[in-house]
Amino acid sequence: MSQTPLQNVQNKSRIQEVKKKLKKNIPLYIIIAPAIIYFIIWHYWPMYGVIIAFKNFSPALGIFDSQWAGFSHFERFFNSFHFWRLLKNTLGLSIYSLVVGIPAPIILALLFNELRSKFFRNVAQTISYAPHFLSVVVSVGILFFFISPNNGIINAVIEAIGGKRIDFLANPDNFWHIMVWSGTWQGIGWGSLIYTAAMAGIPQDQYEAAYIDGASKLRRIWHITLPGIRPTIVILAILAVGGIMGSDFQKILLLQNGLNLEKSEVIATYVYKSGIIEAQYSFSAAVGLFNNVVGCILLIIVNWIAKKVNETSLW
C-alpha cells in the first residue's frame, strides 16, 4: 500500500528528529559504549557455545561438527545421586544468605541514620564498607586467621579458657553459617550505603510532622523511613533473588574440603569440577544451563510478584 505525500513528509520529519537526537547524545553513547561492547564480547557472543550442552562435544571436532546428544546430559544429571544434594545445598545456602543479607544492611543503615555526630557516622560507615573492597582470597585469608584450628585467634581463646581446639571447617554443619555470616560482614557496609542514600531523599518535614504529633522514634522509622525506602528494598531484593542459583563460587571453593563436601558442594562448584578438572564439557554445560534457567525463572516470578504486590519491579 503506497503512502500519501503527507505520510512521506511525516516519516521524513521523524527521521530527521531521530538523527538530531542521536547527534545531540553522541557523548553519552561514547560513554556507555565500553560497557555495551564488554557485555557483547564477554556475555552475549559466547552464548552460542551453549549448544554443546546438547552435543557430545569433542575439542578435535569443534562445536558444530560434534555429534548431537539431545537431552541425554540433562537426564544423566537429573538421575544422578548428586542432583538433590546439589539443589538442596545451592538453594539452602542462597536462601539463608538472603534471609540474613537483605535485612542486615537495612538495619545498619537505620542505625547510621540515627547518629547525630556526622564525624562518628562517617568513620563508622568507612569502617563498615571497607571489607567490600577486599578480594575473595584476602577475605578468606582473614577468615582463616580467626578460625584456623592450628593458629586461629578463636581457637587460641578457646584453648586459653580450658577448651579444646575446634576445626570449624571439618564439621559440615558449620559451613553454611561460616559462609553466610562472613559474607554478611563483607557486604553489609556497602549495602547500607545504598539505603542511606535512599533515606536522604525522604522529606524531612514528614519526620517533623510525625514528631509534633508525638510519634516515637520507632514509629517514625516504621511509618516514614521504611516506606520511603521500600522501592529500593524491593529492587535490591529482586536482584539478590536473581543470583540465588549462583552462590559465591570462589569463596565456596576456597573453603571447601573433603570433610564438608556434604554441605559445601553446590551446582557452581560441581560444574567447575566436571568441566574444568574432569573435562566433561558437554555435561558441565548442561548442568550450568539448567542452573541458569532455574535462576532466570525465579527472577521472573519474584519480579512479577513484586510488581503485583508492591507496584515496584525491574521491568
C-alpha atoms as a PDB file:
ATOM      1  CA  MET A   1       0.000   0.000   0.000  1.00  0.00           C
ATOM      2  CA  SER A   2       1.574   3.270  -1.144  1.00  0.00           C
ATOM      3  CA  GLN A   3       1.943   6.148   1.284  1.00  0.00           C
ATOM      4  CA  THR A   4       0.381   9.546   0.773  1.00  0.00           C
ATOM      5  CA  PRO A   5       2.556  12.646   0.369  1.00  0.00           C
ATOM      6  CA  LEU A   6       1.554  13.732   3.875  1.00  0.00           C
ATOM      7  CA  GLN A   7       2.725  10.417   5.370  1.00  0.00           C
ATOM      8  CA  ASN A   8       6.013  10.692   3.481  1.00  0.00           C
ATOM      9  CA  VAL A   9       6.568  14.143   4.951  1.00  0.00           C
ATOM     10  CA  GLN A  10       5.743  12.902   8.466  1.00  0.00           C
ATOM     11  CA  ASN A  11       8.145   9.954   8.123  1.00  0.00           C
ATOM     12  CA  LYS A  12      10.931  12.235   6.902  1.00  0.00           C
ATOM     13  CA  SER A  13      10.347  14.612   9.820  1.00  0.00           C
ATOM     14  CA  ARG A  14      10.518  11.704  12.289  1.00  0.00           C
ATOM     15  CA  ILE A  15      13.768  10.501  10.731  1.00  0.00           C
ATOM     16  CA  GLN A  16      15.235  13.984  10.956  1.00  0.00           C
ATOM     17  CA  GLU A  17      14.153  14.235  14.595  1.00  0.00           C
ATOM     18  CA  VAL A  18      15.777  10.897  15.424  1.00  0.00           C
ATOM     19  CA  LYS A  19      19.009  11.969  13.694  1.00  0.00           C
ATOM     20  CA  LYS A  20      19.057  15.213  15.705  1.00  0.00           C
ATOM     21  CA  LYS A  21      18.608  13.313  18.975  1.00  0.00           C
ATOM     22  CA  LEU A  22      21.330  10.827  18.039  1.00  0.00           C
ATOM     23  CA  LYS A  23      23.720  13.628  17.129  1.00  0.00           C
ATOM     24  CA  LYS A  24      22.882  15.511  20.312  1.00  0.00           C
ATOM     25  CA  ASN A  25      23.551  12.480  22.556  1.00  0.00           C
ATOM     26  CA  ILE A  26      26.756  11.265  20.885  1.00  0.00           C
ATOM     27  CA  PRO A  27      28.870  11.995  24.028  1.00  0.00           C
ATOM     28  CA  LEU A  28      26.510   9.824  26.097  1.00  0.00           C
ATOM     29  CA  TYR A  29      26.717   6.983  23.579  1.00  0.00           C
ATOM     30  CA  ILE A  30      30.515   7.190  23.667  1.00  0.00           C
ATOM     31  CA  ILE A  31      30.473   6.947  27.472  1.00  0.00           C
ATOM     32  CA  ILE A  32      28.213   3.890  27.511  1.00  0.00           C
ATOM     33  CA  ALA A  33      29.868   2.199  24.511  1.00  0.00           C
ATOM     34  CA  PRO A  34      32.658   0.397  26.502  1.00  0.00           C
ATOM     35  CA  ALA A  35      30.063  -1.221  28.786  1.00  0.00           C
ATOM     36  CA  ILE A  36      27.946  -2.333  25.806  1.00  0.00           C
ATOM     37  CA  ILE A  37      30.999  -3.723  23.995  1.00  0.00           C
ATOM     38  CA  TYR A  38      32.093  -5.555  27.151  1.00  0.00           C
ATOM     39  CA  PHE A  39      28.733  -7.303  27.568  1.00  0.00           C
ATOM     40  CA  ILE A  40      28.510  -8.169  23.874  1.00  0.00           C
ATOM     41  CA  ILE A  41      32.003  -9.714  23.797  1.00  0.00           C
ATOM     42  CA  TRP A  42      32.065 -11.483  27.157  1.00  0.00           C
ATOM     43  CA  HIS A  43      28.396 -12.219  27.890  1.00  0.00           C
ATOM     44  CA  TYR A  44      26.370 -12.423  24.669  1.00  0.00           C
ATOM     45  CA  TRP A  45      28.771 -13.586  21.974  1.00  0.00           C
ATOM     46  CA  PRO A  46      29.883 -16.722  23.922  1.00  0.00           C
ATOM     47  CA  MET A  47      26.247 -17.769  24.373  1.00  0.00           C
ATOM     48  CA  TYR A  48      26.310 -19.660  21.066  1.00  0.00           C
ATOM     49  CA  GLY A  49      28.525 -22.189  22.840  1.00  0.00           C
ATOM     50  CA  VAL A  50      25.571 -23.320  24.954  1.00  0.00           C
ATOM     51  CA  ILE A  51      24.686 -25.789  22.192  1.00  0.00           C
ATOM     52  CA  ILE A  52      27.445 -28.103  23.441  1.00  0.00           C
ATOM     53  CA  ALA A  53      25.022 -28.975  26.254  1.00  0.00           C
ATOM     54  CA  PHE A  54      23.052 -30.861  23.592  1.00  0.00           C
ATOM     55  CA  LYS A  55      26.103 -32.482  21.952  1.00  0.00           C
ATOM     56  CA  ASN A  56      28.916 -34.873  22.773  1.00  0.00           C
ATOM     57  CA  PHE A  57      31.471 -32.131  22.395  1.00  0.00           C
ATOM     58  CA  SER A  58      34.944 -33.048  21.193  1.00  0.00           C
ATOM     59  CA  PRO A  59      37.657 -30.356  21.019  1.00  0.00           C
ATOM     60  CA  ALA A  60      39.077 -32.090  17.941  1.00  0.00           C
ATOM     61  CA  LEU A  61      35.777 -31.829  16.038  1.00  0.00           C
ATOM     62  CA  GLY A  62      34.685 -28.428  17.307  1.00  0.00           C
ATOM     63  CA  ILE A  63      31.264 -27.231  18.417  1.00  0.00           C
ATOM     64  CA  PHE A  64      29.379 -27.576  15.148  1.00  0.00           C
ATOM     65  CA  ASP A  65      30.864 -30.906  13.996  1.00  0.00           C
ATOM     66  CA  SER A  66      30.417 -32.718  17.311  1.00  0.00           C
ATOM     67  CA  GLN A  67      27.699 -35.367  17.498  1.00  0.00           C
ATOM     68  CA  TRP A  68      24.249 -34.404  18.781  1.00  0.00           C
ATOM     69  CA  ALA A  69      23.274 -35.957  22.126  1.00  0.00           C
ATOM     70  CA  GLY A  70      19.861 -34.370  22.691  1.00  0.00           C
ATOM     71  CA  PHE A  71      18.841 -34.178  26.339  1.00  0.00           C
ATOM     72  CA  SER A  72      20.991 -37.120  27.458  1.00  0.00           C
ATOM     73  CA  HIS A  73      23.308 -34.956  29.572  1.00  0.00           C
ATOM     74  CA  PHE A  74      20.338 -33.370  31.359  1.00  0.00           C
ATOM     75  CA  GLU A  75      18.840 -36.815  32.025  1.00  0.00           C
ATOM     76  CA  ARG A  76      22.167 -38.016  33.378  1.00  0.00           C
ATOM     77  CA  PHE A  77      22.308 -35.083  35.798  1.00  0.00           C
ATOM     78  CA  PHE A  78      18.678 -35.409  36.928  1.00  0.00           C
ATOM     79  CA  ASN A  79      19.089 -39.148  37.531  1.00  0.00           C
ATOM     80  CA  SER A  80      22.410 -38.874  39.366  1.00  0.00           C
ATOM     81  CA  PHE A  81      22.589 -39.203  43.150  1.00  0.00           C
ATOM     82  CA  HIS A  82      24.277 -35.769  43.252  1.00  0.00           C
ATOM     83  CA  PHE A  83      21.229 -33.915  41.901  1.00  0.00           C
ATOM     84  CA  TRP A  84      19.083 -33.441  45.006  1.00  0.00           C
ATOM     85  CA  ARG A  85      22.064 -32.770  47.263  1.00  0.00           C
ATOM     86  CA  LEU A  86      23.411 -30.112  44.898  1.00  0.00           C
ATOM     87  CA  LEU A  87      19.997 -28.490  44.513  1.00  0.00           C
ATOM     88  CA  LYS A  88      19.396 -28.547  48.268  1.00  0.00           C
ATOM     89  CA  ASN A  89      22.798 -27.025  49.052  1.00  0.00           C
ATOM     90  CA  THR A  90      22.540 -24.362  46.334  1.00  0.00           C
ATOM     91  CA  LEU A  91      19.032 -23.227  47.276  1.00  0.00           C
ATOM     92  CA  GLY A  92      19.538 -23.644  51.025  1.00  0.00           C
ATOM     93  CA  LEU A  93      22.766 -21.652  51.157  1.00  0.00           C
ATOM     94  CA  SER A  94      21.366 -18.918  48.895  1.00  0.00           C
ATOM     95  CA  ILE A  95      18.076 -18.588  50.804  1.00  0.00           C
ATOM     96  CA  TYR A  96      19.994 -18.456  54.092  1.00  0.00           C
ATOM     97  CA  SER A  97      22.138 -15.666  52.592  1.00  0.00           C
ATOM     98  CA  LEU A  98      19.007 -13.764  51.500  1.00  0.00           C
ATOM     99  CA  VAL A  99      17.326 -14.098  54.900  1.00  0.00           C
ATOM    100  CA  VAL A 100      20.396 -12.626  56.604  1.00  0.00           C
ATOM    101  CA  GLY A 101      21.773 -10.431  53.831  1.00  0.00           C
ATOM    102  CA  ILE A 102      18.635  -8.439  52.939  1.00  0.00           C
ATOM    103  CA  PRO A 103      17.647  -7.058  56.383  1.00  0.00           C
ATOM    104  CA  ALA A 104      21.207  -6.671  57.758  1.00  0.00           C
ATOM    105  CA  PRO A 105      22.236  -3.611  55.669  1.00  0.00           C
ATOM    106  CA  ILE A 106      18.804  -2.048  56.206  1.00  0.00           C
ATOM    107  CA  ILE A 107      19.218  -2.289  59.981  1.00  0.00           C
ATOM    108  CA  LEU A 108      22.756  -0.897  59.777  1.00  0.00           C
ATOM    109  CA  ALA A 109      21.584   1.991  57.569  1.00  0.00           C
ATOM    110  CA  LEU A 110      18.825   2.784  60.080  1.00  0.00           C
ATOM    111  CA  LEU A 111      21.422   2.875  62.859  1.00  0.00           C
ATOM    112  CA  PHE A 112      23.663   5.176  60.817  1.00  0.00           C
ATOM    113  CA  ASN A 113      20.694   7.417  60.044  1.00  0.00           C
ATOM    114  CA  GLU A 114      20.031   7.905  63.748  1.00  0.00           C
ATOM    115  CA  LEU A 115      23.592   9.006  64.570  1.00  0.00           C
ATOM    116  CA  ARG A 116      23.748  12.723  65.205  1.00  0.00           C
ATOM    117  CA  SER A 117      27.547  13.050  65.130  1.00  0.00           C
ATOM    118  CA  LYS A 118      28.496  13.464  61.471  1.00  0.00           C
ATOM    119  CA  PHE A 119      32.156  12.667  62.149  1.00  0.00           C
ATOM    120  CA  PHE A 120      31.398   9.460  64.019  1.00  0.00           C
ATOM    121  CA  ARG A 121      28.892   8.414  61.338  1.00  0.00           C
ATOM    122  CA  ASN A 122      31.424   8.928  58.554  1.00  0.00           C
ATOM    123  CA  VAL A 123      34.101   6.959  60.416  1.00  0.00           C
ATOM    124  CA  ALA A 124      31.695   4.124  61.206  1.00  0.00           C
ATOM    125  CA  GLN A 125      30.465   3.945  57.601  1.00  0.00           C
ATOM    126  CA  THR A 126      34.015   3.890  56.250  1.00  0.00           C
ATOM    127  CA  ILE A 127      34.973   1.038  58.569  1.00  0.00           C
ATOM    128  CA  SER A 128      31.811  -0.912  57.705  1.00  0.00           C
ATOM    129  CA  TYR A 129      32.129  -0.783  53.919  1.00  0.00           C
ATOM    130  CA  ALA A 130      35.930  -1.191  53.736  1.00  0.00           C
ATOM    131  CA  PRO A 131      35.702  -5.041  53.637  1.00  0.00           C
ATOM    132  CA  HIS A 132      33.682  -4.783  50.417  1.00  0.00           C
ATOM    133  CA  PHE A 133      36.868  -3.841  48.532  1.00  0.00           C
ATOM    134  CA  LEU A 134      38.793  -6.892  49.702  1.00  0.00           C
ATOM    135  CA  SER A 135      39.271  -9.693  47.200  1.00  0.00           C
ATOM    136  CA  VAL A 136      37.738 -13.076  47.920  1.00  0.00           C
ATOM    137  CA  VAL A 137      41.182 -14.588  48.539  1.00  0.00           C
ATOM    138  CA  VAL A 138      42.077 -11.911  51.078  1.00  0.00           C
ATOM    139  CA  SER A 139      38.718 -12.174  52.875  1.00  0.00           C
ATOM    140  CA  VAL A 140      39.099 -15.965  53.122  1.00  0.00           C
ATOM    141  CA  GLY A 141      42.640 -15.461  54.427  1.00  0.00           C
ATOM    142  CA  ILE A 142      41.279 -13.160  57.144  1.00  0.00           C
ATOM    143  CA  LEU A 143      38.624 -15.762  57.941  1.00  0.00           C
ATOM    144  CA  PHE A 144      41.282 -18.474  58.332  1.00  0.00           C
ATOM    145  CA  PHE A 145      43.208 -16.096  60.590  1.00  0.00           C
ATOM    146  CA  PHE A 146      40.283 -16.342  63.028  1.00  0.00           C
ATOM    147  CA  ILE A 147      39.024 -19.934  62.629  1.00  0.00           C
ATOM    148  CA  SER A 148      42.184 -21.888  61.794  1.00  0.00           C
ATOM    149  CA  PRO A 149      42.441 -24.966  64.059  1.00  0.00           C
ATOM    150  CA  ASN A 150      46.218 -24.524  64.408  1.00  0.00           C
ATOM    151  CA  ASN A 151      46.839 -20.820  64.989  1.00  0.00           C
ATOM    152  CA  GLY A 152      43.434 -19.137  64.734  1.00  0.00           C
ATOM    153  CA  ILE A 153      42.512 -16.446  67.252  1.00  0.00           C
ATOM    154  CA  ILE A 154      39.186 -18.057  68.168  1.00  0.00           C
ATOM    155  CA  ASN A 155      40.836 -21.405  68.920  1.00  0.00           C
ATOM    156  CA  ALA A 156      43.556 -19.649  70.905  1.00  0.00           C
ATOM    157  CA  VAL A 157      40.869 -18.080  73.096  1.00  0.00           C
ATOM    158  CA  ILE A 158      39.055 -21.415  73.461  1.00  0.00           C
ATOM    159  CA  GLU A 159      42.290 -23.116  74.489  1.00  0.00           C
ATOM    160  CA  ALA A 160      43.125 -20.306  76.906  1.00  0.00           C
ATOM    161  CA  ILE A 161      39.888 -20.833  78.830  1.00  0.00           C
ATOM    162  CA  GLY A 162      40.458 -24.586  79.057  1.00  0.00           C
ATOM    163  CA  GLY A 163      38.636 -25.820  75.964  1.00  0.00           C
ATOM    164  CA  LYS A 164      39.779 -27.930  73.033  1.00  0.00           C
ATOM    165  CA  ARG A 165      40.641 -26.567  69.624  1.00  0.00           C
ATOM    166  CA  ILE A 166      37.850 -26.897  67.021  1.00  0.00           C
ATOM    167  CA  ASP A 167      38.294 -27.478  63.314  1.00  0.00           C
ATOM    168  CA  PHE A 168      35.269 -25.459  62.212  1.00  0.00           C
ATOM    169  CA  LEU A 169      35.513 -26.359  58.520  1.00  0.00           C
ATOM    170  CA  ALA A 170      35.763 -30.076  59.288  1.00  0.00           C
ATOM    171  CA  ASN A 171      32.159 -30.073  60.512  1.00  0.00           C
ATOM    172  CA  PRO A 172      29.708 -29.807  57.569  1.00  0.00           C
ATOM    173  CA  ASP A 173      27.067 -28.243  59.841  1.00  0.00           C
ATOM    174  CA  ASN A 174      29.278 -25.174  60.325  1.00  0.00           C
ATOM    175  CA  PHE A 175      29.846 -24.463  56.639  1.00  0.00           C
ATOM    176  CA  TRP A 176      26.643 -22.559  55.844  1.00  0.00           C
ATOM    177  CA  HIS A 177      26.987 -20.377  58.939  1.00  0.00           C
ATOM    178  CA  ILE A 178      30.614 -19.530  58.154  1.00  0.00           C
ATOM    179  CA  MET A 179      29.770 -18.708  54.532  1.00  0.00           C
ATOM    180  CA  VAL A 180      26.704 -16.567  55.249  1.00  0.00           C
ATOM    181  CA  TRP A 181      27.944 -14.559  58.218  1.00  0.00           C
ATOM    182  CA  SER A 182      31.385 -13.892  56.760  1.00  0.00           C
ATOM    183  CA  GLY A 183      29.680 -12.758  53.551  1.00  0.00           C
ATOM    184  CA  THR A 184      27.370 -10.513  55.560  1.00  0.00           C
ATOM    185  CA  TRP A 185      30.374  -8.961  57.286  1.00  0.00           C
ATOM    186  CA  GLN A 186      31.962  -8.217  53.917  1.00  0.00           C
ATOM    187  CA  GLY A 187      28.879  -6.787  52.200  1.00  0.00           C
ATOM    188  CA  ILE A 188      26.761  -5.199  54.919  1.00  0.00           C
ATOM    189  CA  GLY A 189      28.536  -1.829  54.885  1.00  0.00           C
ATOM    190  CA  TRP A 190      28.346  -1.380  51.114  1.00  0.00           C
ATOM    191  CA  GLY A 191      24.664  -2.350  51.092  1.00  0.00           C
ATOM    192  CA  SER A 192      23.915   0.112  53.884  1.00  0.00           C
ATOM    193  CA  LEU A 193      25.321   2.973  51.753  1.00  0.00           C
ATOM    194  CA  ILE A 194      22.596   2.416  49.159  1.00  0.00           C
ATOM    195  CA  TYR A 195      19.860   2.505  51.794  1.00  0.00           C
ATOM    196  CA  THR A 196      21.435   5.531  53.469  1.00  0.00           C
ATOM    197  CA  ALA A 197      21.331   7.368  50.136  1.00  0.00           C
ATOM    198  CA  ALA A 198      17.674   6.380  49.738  1.00  0.00           C
ATOM    199  CA  MET A 199      16.885   7.686  53.224  1.00  0.00           C
ATOM    200  CA  ALA A 200      18.473  11.018  52.340  1.00  0.00           C
ATOM    201  CA  GLY A 201      15.722  11.516  49.753  1.00  0.00           C
ATOM    202  CA  ILE A 202      12.901  11.309  52.308  1.00  0.00           C
ATOM    203  CA  PRO A 203      11.481  14.821  53.020  1.00  0.00           C
ATOM    204  CA  GLN A 204      12.422  15.999  56.494  1.00  0.00           C
ATOM    205  CA  ASP A 205       9.062  17.696  57.007  1.00  0.00           C
ATOM    206  CA  GLN A 206       7.486  14.230  57.325  1.00  0.00           C
ATOM    207  CA  TYR A 207       9.693  13.491  60.331  1.00  0.00           C
ATOM    208  CA  GLU A 208       8.950  16.904  61.817  1.00  0.00           C
ATOM    209  CA  ALA A 209       5.202  16.441  61.427  1.00  0.00           C
ATOM    210  CA  ALA A 210       5.364  12.982  62.995  1.00  0.00           C
ATOM    211  CA  TYR A 211       7.478  14.325  65.880  1.00  0.00           C
ATOM    212  CA  ILE A 212       4.961  17.104  66.534  1.00  0.00           C
ATOM    213  CA  ASP A 213       2.164  14.518  66.524  1.00  0.00           C
ATOM    214  CA  GLY A 214       4.000  12.623  69.260  1.00  0.00           C
ATOM    215  CA  ALA A 215       5.289   9.678  67.237  1.00  0.00           C
ATOM    216  CA  SER A 216       8.166   7.840  68.881  1.00  0.00           C
ATOM    217  CA  LYS A 217      11.453   7.175  67.070  1.00  0.00           C
ATOM    218  CA  LEU A 218      10.450   3.595  66.296  1.00  0.00           C
ATOM    219  CA  ARG A 219       7.099   4.799  64.930  1.00  0.00           C
ATOM    220  CA  ARG A 220       8.846   7.308  62.679  1.00  0.00           C
ATOM    221  CA  ILE A 221      11.129   4.592  61.363  1.00  0.00           C
ATOM    222  CA  TRP A 222       8.234   2.190  60.780  1.00  0.00           C
ATOM    223  CA  HIS A 223       5.810   4.632  59.160  1.00  0.00           C
ATOM    224  CA  ILE A 224       8.180   7.046  57.373  1.00  0.00           C
ATOM    225  CA  THR A 225      11.675   5.656  56.839  1.00  0.00           C
ATOM    226  CA  LEU A 226      10.839   2.094  55.805  1.00  0.00           C
ATOM    227  CA  PRO A 227       8.009   3.089  53.419  1.00  0.00           C
ATOM    228  CA  GLY A 228      10.307   5.741  51.961  1.00  0.00           C
ATOM    229  CA  ILE A 229      12.990   3.210  51.055  1.00  0.00           C
ATOM    230  CA  ARG A 230      10.593   0.394  50.140  1.00  0.00           C
ATOM    231  CA  PRO A 231      11.217   0.675  46.352  1.00  0.00           C
ATOM    232  CA  THR A 232      14.970   0.387  46.952  1.00  0.00           C
ATOM    233  CA  ILE A 233      14.461  -2.638  49.207  1.00  0.00           C
ATOM    234  CA  VAL A 234      12.286  -4.358  46.600  1.00  0.00           C
ATOM    235  CA  ILE A 235      14.676  -3.723  43.700  1.00  0.00           C
ATOM    236  CA  LEU A 236      17.738  -4.934  45.633  1.00  0.00           C
ATOM    237  CA  ALA A 237      15.807  -7.969  46.885  1.00  0.00           C
ATOM    238  CA  ILE A 238      14.820  -8.882  43.317  1.00  0.00           C
ATOM    239  CA  LEU A 239      18.430  -8.542  42.174  1.00  0.00           C
ATOM    240  CA  ALA A 240      19.541 -10.725  45.084  1.00  0.00           C
ATOM    241  CA  VAL A 241      16.991 -13.391  44.150  1.00  0.00           C
ATOM    242  CA  GLY A 242      18.293 -13.235  40.570  1.00  0.00           C
ATOM    243  CA  GLY A 243      21.616 -14.579  41.816  1.00  0.00           C
ATOM    244  CA  ILE A 244      20.099 -17.223  44.071  1.00  0.00           C
ATOM    245  CA  MET A 245      21.426 -20.099  41.945  1.00  0.00           C
ATOM    246  CA  GLY A 246      24.867 -18.562  41.545  1.00  0.00           C
ATOM    247  CA  SER A 247      26.197 -18.873  45.092  1.00  0.00           C
ATOM    248  CA  ASP A 248      29.596 -17.414  45.933  1.00  0.00           C
ATOM    249  CA  PHE A 249      31.574 -19.850  43.800  1.00  0.00           C
ATOM    250  CA  GLN A 250      35.109 -18.626  44.529  1.00  0.00           C
ATOM    251  CA  LYS A 251      34.628 -18.420  48.273  1.00  0.00           C
ATOM    252  CA  ILE A 252      32.920 -21.811  48.476  1.00  0.00           C
ATOM    253  CA  LEU A 253      35.748 -23.399  46.510  1.00  0.00           C
ATOM    254  CA  LEU A 254      38.380 -21.869  48.804  1.00  0.00           C
ATOM    255  CA  LEU A 255      36.588 -23.001  51.977  1.00  0.00           C
ATOM    256  CA  GLN A 256      35.676 -26.431  50.628  1.00  0.00           C
ATOM    257  CA  ASN A 257      37.441 -29.588  51.756  1.00  0.00           C
ATOM    258  CA  GLY A 258      36.786 -33.293  51.712  1.00  0.00           C
ATOM    259  CA  LEU A 259      35.155 -33.243  55.162  1.00  0.00           C
ATOM    260  CA  ASN A 260      32.496 -30.619  54.449  1.00  0.00           C
ATOM    261  CA  LEU A 261      31.510 -31.629  50.893  1.00  0.00           C
ATOM    262  CA  GLU A 262      28.153 -32.824  52.156  1.00  0.00           C
ATOM    263  CA  LYS A 263      27.083 -29.196  52.714  1.00  0.00           C
ATOM    264  CA  SER A 264      29.578 -27.247  50.599  1.00  0.00           C
ATOM    265  CA  GLU A 265      29.146 -28.843  47.179  1.00  0.00           C
ATOM    266  CA  VAL A 266      26.845 -26.614  45.106  1.00  0.00           C
ATOM    267  CA  ILE A 267      25.968 -26.600  41.415  1.00  0.00           C
ATOM    268  CA  ALA A 268      28.603 -23.965  40.581  1.00  0.00           C
ATOM    269  CA  THR A 269      31.469 -25.954  42.112  1.00  0.00           C
ATOM    270  CA  TYR A 270      30.137 -29.170  40.567  1.00  0.00           C
ATOM    271  CA  VAL A 271      30.150 -27.549  37.123  1.00  0.00           C
ATOM    272  CA  TYR A 272      33.730 -26.382  37.663  1.00  0.00           C
ATOM    273  CA  LYS A 273      34.941 -29.833  38.699  1.00  0.00           C
ATOM    274  CA  SER A 274      33.043 -31.629  35.935  1.00  0.00           C
ATOM    275  CA  GLY A 275      34.004 -29.216  33.172  1.00  0.00           C
ATOM    276  CA  ILE A 276      37.498 -27.974  34.011  1.00  0.00           C
ATOM    277  CA  ILE A 277      39.005 -30.756  36.101  1.00  0.00           C
ATOM    278  CA  GLU A 278      37.297 -33.808  34.561  1.00  0.00           C
ATOM    279  CA  ALA A 279      36.946 -32.311  31.050  1.00  0.00           C
ATOM    280  CA  GLN A 280      33.263 -33.300  30.745  1.00  0.00           C
ATOM    281  CA  TYR A 281      32.487 -30.209  28.723  1.00  0.00           C
ATOM    282  CA  SER A 282      29.033 -31.113  27.398  1.00  0.00           C
ATOM    283  CA  PHE A 283      27.810 -32.473  30.725  1.00  0.00           C
ATOM    284  CA  SER A 284      29.030 -29.437  32.683  1.00  0.00           C
ATOM    285  CA  ALA A 285      27.465 -27.118  30.084  1.00  0.00           C
ATOM    286  CA  ALA A 286      24.130 -28.913  30.530  1.00  0.00           C
ATOM    287  CA  VAL A 287      24.315 -28.573  34.322  1.00  0.00           C
ATOM    288  CA  GLY A 288      25.259 -24.900  34.031  1.00  0.00           C
ATOM    289  CA  LEU A 289      22.414 -24.264  31.577  1.00  0.00           C
ATOM    290  CA  PHE A 290      19.929 -25.886  33.962  1.00  0.00           C
ATOM    291  CA  ASN A 291      21.269 -23.732  36.788  1.00  0.00           C
ATOM    292  CA  ASN A 292      20.895 -20.508  34.770  1.00  0.00           C
ATOM    293  CA  VAL A 293      17.403 -21.372  33.506  1.00  0.00           C
ATOM    294  CA  VAL A 294      16.164 -22.017  37.050  1.00  0.00           C
ATOM    295  CA  GLY A 295      17.711 -18.736  38.225  1.00  0.00           C
ATOM    296  CA  CYS A 296      16.067 -16.850  35.350  1.00  0.00           C
ATOM    297  CA  ILE A 297      12.658 -18.393  36.119  1.00  0.00           C
ATOM    298  CA  LEU A 298      12.961 -17.457  39.799  1.00  0.00           C
ATOM    299  CA  LEU A 299      13.887 -13.884  38.849  1.00  0.00           C
ATOM    300  CA  ILE A 300      10.851 -13.552  36.552  1.00  0.00           C
ATOM    301  CA  ILE A 301       8.495 -14.984  39.194  1.00  0.00           C
ATOM    302  CA  VAL A 302       9.795 -12.755  42.000  1.00  0.00           C
ATOM    303  CA  ASN A 303       9.704  -9.693  39.743  1.00  0.00           C
ATOM    304  CA  TRP A 304       6.076 -10.497  38.781  1.00  0.00           C
ATOM    305  CA  ILE A 305       5.076 -10.937  42.436  1.00  0.00           C
ATOM    306  CA  ALA A 306       6.765  -7.661  43.417  1.00  0.00           C
ATOM    307  CA  LYS A 307       5.000  -5.825  40.593  1.00  0.00           C
ATOM    308  CA  LYS A 308       1.616  -7.203  41.641  1.00  0.00           C
ATOM    309  CA  VAL A 309       2.042  -6.661  45.373  1.00  0.00           C
ATOM    310  CA  ASN A 310       4.138  -3.519  45.610  1.00  0.00           C
ATOM    311  CA  GLU A 311       3.955  -1.999  42.103  1.00  0.00           C
ATOM    312  CA  THR A 312       7.761  -1.860  42.074  1.00  0.00           C
ATOM    313  CA  SER A 313       9.787  -4.094  39.786  1.00  0.00           C
ATOM    314  CA  LEU A 314      12.760  -4.275  37.425  1.00  0.00           C
ATOM    315  CA  TRP A 315      10.519  -4.188  34.363  1.00  0.00           C
END
